[in-house]
Amino acid sequence: MKIQVVKSKIHRVKVTQADLNYIGSITIDEDLMDASNLIEGEKVQIVNINNGERIETYVIKGERKSGTICLNGPAARRVAVNDIVIIIGYAYMDFELAKSFKPMLAFPDETTNLLK
């Protein structure tokens, strides 16, 4: 049996931009992607702490050390700049493997979005 578990998480990061006219996705600083084991094109869930919205989209690489967290396209209507969000990636894996699996978690500075 396979189950879906948390694989990656960027915990409490600040939205720096919201671009309604982009085709879609979330742009994430590449350092944060590496720290949380996310890759470009991967499906993620964004949980908005400020308003309770939950959004599914995919990742686009942002500039390293920029702190960029930008919701693009329709998702831009679900956030405001400076909202705090949690970004979660999931993976399917064998039930027994999932029991011992440890996700990659990143805890950036909420002011700068850079890794501590």
N, C-alpha and C. Protein backbone atom coordinates (compact mmCIF):
# COMPACT_ATOMS: atom_id res chain seq x y z
N MET A 1 0.84 -1.18 0.00
CA MET A 1 0.00 0.00 0.00
C MET A 1 0.88 1.24 0.00
N LYS A 2 0.47 2.24 -0.75
CA LYS A 2 1.17 3.53 -0.78
C LYS A 2 0.28 4.58 -0.11
N ILE A 3 0.94 5.50 0.58
CA ILE A 3 0.22 6.62 1.20
C ILE A 3 0.92 7.92 0.83
N GLN A 4 0.20 9.02 0.95
CA GLN A 4 0.77 10.34 0.66
C GLN A 4 1.21 10.97 1.98
N VAL A 5 2.47 11.43 2.01
CA VAL A 5 3.01 12.04 3.23
C VAL A 5 3.70 13.36 2.89
N VAL A 6 3.93 14.17 3.90
CA VAL A 6 4.66 15.43 3.72
C VAL A 6 6.11 15.08 3.38
N LYS A 7 6.60 15.62 2.27
CA LYS A 7 7.97 15.42 1.82
C LYS A 7 8.82 16.66 2.08
N SER A 8 8.20 17.83 1.93
CA SER A 8 8.91 19.11 1.98
C SER A 8 8.02 20.15 2.63
N LYS A 9 8.68 21.08 3.34
CA LYS A 9 7.88 22.15 3.95
C LYS A 9 8.74 23.39 4.17
N ILE A 10 8.22 24.52 3.72
CA ILE A 10 8.81 25.82 4.06
C ILE A 10 7.81 26.44 5.03
N HIS A 11 8.23 26.57 6.28
CA HIS A 11 7.31 26.95 7.35
C HIS A 11 7.36 28.45 7.62
N ARG A 12 6.22 29.09 7.48
CA ARG A 12 6.04 30.51 7.82
C ARG A 12 7.02 31.41 7.06
N VAL A 13 6.68 31.63 5.81
CA VAL A 13 7.46 32.50 4.95
C VAL A 13 6.55 33.63 4.45
N LYS A 14 7.11 34.80 4.24
CA LYS A 14 6.32 35.99 3.88
C LYS A 14 6.16 36.10 2.37
N VAL A 15 4.95 36.38 1.92
CA VAL A 15 4.69 36.63 0.51
C VAL A 15 5.30 37.99 0.16
N THR A 16 6.17 38.00 -0.85
CA THR A 16 6.84 39.23 -1.25
C THR A 16 6.19 39.89 -2.47
N GLN A 17 5.48 39.06 -3.28
CA GLN A 17 4.84 39.59 -4.48
C GLN A 17 3.60 38.76 -4.80
N ALA A 18 2.68 39.37 -5.54
CA ALA A 18 1.51 38.68 -6.08
C ALA A 18 1.30 39.25 -7.49
N ASP A 19 1.47 38.40 -8.50
CA ASP A 19 1.44 38.84 -9.89
C ASP A 19 0.26 38.20 -10.62
N LEU A 20 -0.87 38.88 -10.63
CA LEU A 20 -2.10 38.36 -11.23
C LEU A 20 -1.93 38.08 -12.72
N ASN A 21 -1.11 38.83 -13.42
CA ASN A 21 -1.00 38.71 -14.87
C ASN A 21 0.01 37.67 -15.34
N TYR A 22 0.58 36.90 -14.42
CA TYR A 22 1.48 35.82 -14.80
C TYR A 22 0.64 34.56 -15.04
N ILE A 23 1.18 33.58 -15.76
CA ILE A 23 0.37 32.43 -16.16
C ILE A 23 0.01 31.46 -15.04
N GLY A 24 0.64 31.55 -13.92
CA GLY A 24 0.31 30.68 -12.80
C GLY A 24 1.54 30.20 -12.08
N SER A 25 1.39 29.67 -10.89
CA SER A 25 2.46 29.06 -10.11
C SER A 25 2.85 29.88 -8.89
N ILE A 26 3.91 29.41 -8.21
CA ILE A 26 4.53 30.16 -7.12
C ILE A 26 6.03 30.21 -7.39
N THR A 27 6.59 31.39 -7.34
CA THR A 27 8.03 31.58 -7.51
C THR A 27 8.66 31.56 -6.13
N ILE A 28 9.67 30.69 -5.94
CA ILE A 28 10.32 30.51 -4.64
C ILE A 28 11.82 30.67 -4.80
N ASP A 29 12.43 31.43 -3.90
CA ASP A 29 13.89 31.58 -3.83
C ASP A 29 14.51 30.18 -3.92
N GLU A 30 15.47 30.00 -4.83
CA GLU A 30 16.07 28.69 -5.05
C GLU A 30 16.76 28.13 -3.80
N ASP A 31 17.29 28.97 -2.93
CA ASP A 31 17.88 28.49 -1.68
C ASP A 31 16.82 27.82 -0.81
N LEU A 32 15.63 28.39 -0.76
CA LEU A 32 14.54 27.79 0.01
C LEU A 32 14.09 26.48 -0.63
N MET A 33 14.08 26.45 -1.95
CA MET A 33 13.74 25.20 -2.66
C MET A 33 14.72 24.10 -2.28
N ASP A 34 16.01 24.40 -2.33
CA ASP A 34 17.03 23.41 -1.98
C ASP A 34 16.89 22.94 -0.54
N ALA A 35 16.68 23.89 0.37
CA ALA A 35 16.60 23.56 1.80
C ALA A 35 15.40 22.67 2.13
N SER A 36 14.36 22.76 1.32
CA SER A 36 13.15 21.99 1.59
C SER A 36 12.95 20.84 0.60
N ASN A 37 13.91 20.63 -0.30
CA ASN A 37 13.86 19.53 -1.27
C ASN A 37 12.69 19.66 -2.23
N LEU A 38 12.44 20.88 -2.70
CA LEU A 38 11.43 21.12 -3.74
C LEU A 38 12.13 21.33 -5.07
N ILE A 39 11.49 20.91 -6.16
CA ILE A 39 12.07 21.12 -7.49
C ILE A 39 11.11 21.91 -8.36
N GLU A 40 11.67 22.52 -9.40
CA GLU A 40 10.85 23.29 -10.32
C GLU A 40 9.81 22.38 -10.97
N GLY A 41 8.58 22.86 -11.03
CA GLY A 41 7.49 22.10 -11.62
C GLY A 41 6.74 21.21 -10.63
N GLU A 42 7.26 21.06 -9.44
CA GLU A 42 6.61 20.20 -8.44
C GLU A 42 5.32 20.83 -7.93
N LYS A 43 4.31 19.99 -7.75
CA LYS A 43 3.04 20.44 -7.20
C LYS A 43 3.21 20.69 -5.70
N VAL A 44 2.69 21.84 -5.24
CA VAL A 44 2.75 22.19 -3.82
C VAL A 44 1.40 22.73 -3.36
N GLN A 45 1.22 22.69 -2.07
CA GLN A 45 0.06 23.31 -1.44
C GLN A 45 0.57 24.52 -0.66
N ILE A 46 -0.14 25.64 -0.79
CA ILE A 46 0.19 26.85 -0.04
C ILE A 46 -0.94 27.08 0.95
N VAL A 47 -0.59 27.20 2.22
CA VAL A 47 -1.56 27.44 3.28
C VAL A 47 -1.32 28.86 3.79
N ASN A 48 -2.32 29.73 3.64
CA ASN A 48 -2.18 31.12 4.04
C ASN A 48 -2.60 31.27 5.50
N ILE A 49 -1.65 31.63 6.35
CA ILE A 49 -1.90 31.80 7.78
C ILE A 49 -2.87 32.96 8.03
N ASN A 50 -2.80 34.01 7.20
CA ASN A 50 -3.59 35.21 7.43
C ASN A 50 -5.08 35.03 7.15
N ASN A 51 -5.42 34.22 6.13
CA ASN A 51 -6.84 34.13 5.78
C ASN A 51 -7.38 32.70 5.66
N GLY A 52 -6.54 31.71 5.90
CA GLY A 52 -6.99 30.32 5.88
C GLY A 52 -7.09 29.68 4.51
N GLU A 53 -6.78 30.41 3.45
CA GLU A 53 -6.85 29.86 2.08
C GLU A 53 -5.85 28.73 1.92
N ARG A 54 -6.24 27.72 1.13
CA ARG A 54 -5.35 26.62 0.75
C ARG A 54 -5.35 26.57 -0.76
N ILE A 55 -4.17 26.65 -1.36
CA ILE A 55 -4.02 26.76 -2.81
C ILE A 55 -3.08 25.65 -3.28
N GLU A 56 -3.39 25.02 -4.40
CA GLU A 56 -2.47 24.09 -5.03
C GLU A 56 -1.97 24.69 -6.32
N THR A 57 -0.65 24.61 -6.54
CA THR A 57 -0.03 25.12 -7.75
C THR A 57 1.29 24.40 -7.94
N TYR A 58 2.17 24.94 -8.75
CA TYR A 58 3.47 24.32 -8.99
C TYR A 58 4.58 25.36 -8.81
N VAL A 59 5.80 24.87 -8.60
CA VAL A 59 6.94 25.70 -8.25
C VAL A 59 7.69 26.20 -9.48
N ILE A 60 8.07 27.48 -9.43
CA ILE A 60 9.01 28.08 -10.39
C ILE A 60 10.20 28.58 -9.57
N LYS A 61 11.41 28.37 -10.11
CA LYS A 61 12.64 28.81 -9.45
C LYS A 61 12.74 30.31 -9.41
N GLY A 62 13.03 30.84 -8.21
CA GLY A 62 13.30 32.26 -8.05
C GLY A 62 14.78 32.49 -7.82
N GLU A 63 15.18 33.72 -7.88
CA GLU A 63 16.59 34.09 -7.70
C GLU A 63 17.09 33.71 -6.31
N ARG A 64 18.27 33.10 -6.26
CA ARG A 64 18.89 32.73 -4.98
C ARG A 64 19.13 33.96 -4.11
N LYS A 65 18.96 33.76 -2.82
CA LYS A 65 19.21 34.80 -1.80
C LYS A 65 18.36 36.04 -1.96
N SER A 66 17.27 35.91 -2.73
CA SER A 66 16.37 37.05 -2.94
C SER A 66 15.24 37.09 -1.92
N GLY A 67 14.93 35.93 -1.34
CA GLY A 67 13.79 35.84 -0.42
C GLY A 67 12.46 35.85 -1.14
N THR A 68 12.46 35.70 -2.46
CA THR A 68 11.24 35.80 -3.26
C THR A 68 10.24 34.69 -2.94
N ILE A 69 9.03 35.10 -2.65
CA ILE A 69 7.86 34.23 -2.57
C ILE A 69 6.77 34.99 -3.31
N CYS A 70 6.48 34.57 -4.54
CA CYS A 70 5.53 35.29 -5.38
C CYS A 70 4.44 34.35 -5.87
N LEU A 71 3.20 34.64 -5.52
CA LEU A 71 2.06 33.90 -6.03
C LEU A 71 1.66 34.51 -7.36
N ASN A 72 1.55 33.67 -8.37
CA ASN A 72 1.31 34.13 -9.73
C ASN A 72 -0.07 33.68 -10.23
N GLY A 73 -0.59 34.42 -11.19
CA GLY A 73 -1.86 34.06 -11.82
C GLY A 73 -3.01 34.11 -10.82
N PRO A 74 -4.00 33.22 -10.98
CA PRO A 74 -5.19 33.26 -10.12
C PRO A 74 -4.88 33.19 -8.63
N ALA A 75 -3.79 32.49 -8.26
CA ALA A 75 -3.43 32.39 -6.84
C ALA A 75 -3.12 33.75 -6.23
N ALA A 76 -2.76 34.72 -7.06
CA ALA A 76 -2.45 36.06 -6.56
C ALA A 76 -3.67 36.71 -5.91
N ARG A 77 -4.86 36.25 -6.26
CA ARG A 77 -6.08 36.78 -5.65
C ARG A 77 -6.33 36.23 -4.25
N ARG A 78 -5.59 35.21 -3.88
CA ARG A 78 -5.80 34.53 -2.60
C ARG A 78 -4.81 34.93 -1.51
N VAL A 79 -3.89 35.84 -1.86
CA VAL A 79 -2.89 36.31 -0.90
C VAL A 79 -2.75 37.82 -1.00
N ALA A 80 -2.14 38.38 0.01
CA ALA A 80 -1.72 39.78 -0.02
C ALA A 80 -0.23 39.80 0.28
N VAL A 81 0.48 40.74 -0.31
CA VAL A 81 1.89 40.90 0.02
C VAL A 81 2.00 41.06 1.53
N ASN A 82 2.97 40.38 2.12
CA ASN A 82 3.25 40.32 3.56
C ASN A 82 2.44 39.27 4.30
N ASP A 83 1.51 38.57 3.63
CA ASP A 83 0.86 37.43 4.27
C ASP A 83 1.93 36.39 4.60
N ILE A 84 1.70 35.62 5.65
CA ILE A 84 2.58 34.52 6.02
C ILE A 84 1.95 33.22 5.52
N VAL A 85 2.75 32.42 4.81
CA VAL A 85 2.25 31.17 4.24
C VAL A 85 3.16 30.01 4.64
N ILE A 86 2.62 28.81 4.52
CA ILE A 86 3.37 27.57 4.65
C ILE A 86 3.28 26.88 3.29
N ILE A 87 4.40 26.42 2.77
CA ILE A 87 4.45 25.76 1.47
C ILE A 87 4.78 24.29 1.72
N ILE A 88 3.93 23.38 1.22
CA ILE A 88 4.06 21.96 1.52
C ILE A 88 4.11 21.14 0.23
N GLY A 89 5.10 20.26 0.14
CA GLY A 89 5.18 19.29 -0.94
C GLY A 89 4.91 17.90 -0.39
N TYR A 90 4.22 17.08 -1.15
CA TYR A 90 3.85 15.74 -0.70
C TYR A 90 4.46 14.70 -1.63
N ALA A 91 4.58 13.47 -1.14
CA ALA A 91 5.06 12.35 -1.95
C ALA A 91 4.29 11.09 -1.59
N TYR A 92 4.12 10.23 -2.58
CA TYR A 92 3.56 8.91 -2.33
C TYR A 92 4.70 7.96 -2.03
N MET A 93 4.52 7.13 -1.02
CA MET A 93 5.54 6.12 -0.72
C MET A 93 4.92 4.91 -0.05
N ASP A 94 5.69 3.87 -0.03
CA ASP A 94 5.25 2.64 0.61
C ASP A 94 4.94 2.91 2.09
N PHE A 95 3.91 2.30 2.57
CA PHE A 95 3.45 2.50 3.94
C PHE A 95 4.56 2.25 4.95
N GLU A 96 5.31 1.16 4.80
CA GLU A 96 6.38 0.85 5.76
C GLU A 96 7.50 1.88 5.70
N LEU A 97 7.88 2.31 4.51
CA LEU A 97 8.91 3.34 4.37
C LEU A 97 8.44 4.66 4.98
N ALA A 98 7.18 4.98 4.81
CA ALA A 98 6.62 6.23 5.33
C ALA A 98 6.74 6.32 6.85
N LYS A 99 6.72 5.18 7.52
CA LYS A 99 6.81 5.18 8.99
C LYS A 99 8.12 5.78 9.48
N SER A 100 9.19 5.65 8.71
CA SER A 100 10.49 6.16 9.16
C SER A 100 10.97 7.36 8.34
N PHE A 101 10.22 7.75 7.33
CA PHE A 101 10.63 8.86 6.47
C PHE A 101 10.60 10.18 7.24
N LYS A 102 11.62 11.01 7.00
CA LYS A 102 11.71 12.35 7.62
C LYS A 102 11.67 13.40 6.52
N PRO A 103 10.70 14.28 6.54
CA PRO A 103 10.62 15.33 5.50
C PRO A 103 11.71 16.37 5.67
N MET A 104 11.99 17.11 4.59
CA MET A 104 12.94 18.22 4.63
C MET A 104 12.14 19.48 5.00
N LEU A 105 12.51 20.11 6.10
CA LEU A 105 11.81 21.28 6.61
C LEU A 105 12.74 22.49 6.59
N ALA A 106 12.23 23.61 6.13
CA ALA A 106 12.99 24.87 6.13
C ALA A 106 12.23 25.88 6.98
N PHE A 107 12.97 26.58 7.83
CA PHE A 107 12.40 27.59 8.72
C PHE A 107 13.09 28.92 8.47
N PRO A 108 12.67 29.64 7.43
CA PRO A 108 13.33 30.91 7.10
C PRO A 108 12.96 32.02 8.10
N ASP A 109 13.76 33.04 8.10
CA ASP A 109 13.45 34.24 8.87
C ASP A 109 12.19 34.88 8.28
N GLU A 110 11.19 35.14 9.10
CA GLU A 110 9.92 35.68 8.60
C GLU A 110 10.04 37.11 8.06
N THR A 111 11.08 37.81 8.45
CA THR A 111 11.25 39.19 7.98
C THR A 111 11.89 39.24 6.61
N THR A 112 12.95 38.42 6.42
CA THR A 112 13.72 38.47 5.17
C THR A 112 13.47 37.30 4.24
N ASN A 113 12.85 36.23 4.74
CA ASN A 113 12.64 34.97 4.01
C ASN A 113 13.94 34.24 3.73
N LEU A 114 15.05 34.68 4.30
CA LEU A 114 16.31 33.99 4.10
C LEU A 114 16.50 32.94 5.19
N LEU A 115 17.29 31.92 4.88
CA LEU A 115 17.51 30.85 5.85
C LEU A 115 18.29 31.39 7.03
N LYS A 116 17.96 30.90 8.20
CA LYS A 116 18.62 31.35 9.43
C LYS A 116 19.98 30.70 9.57
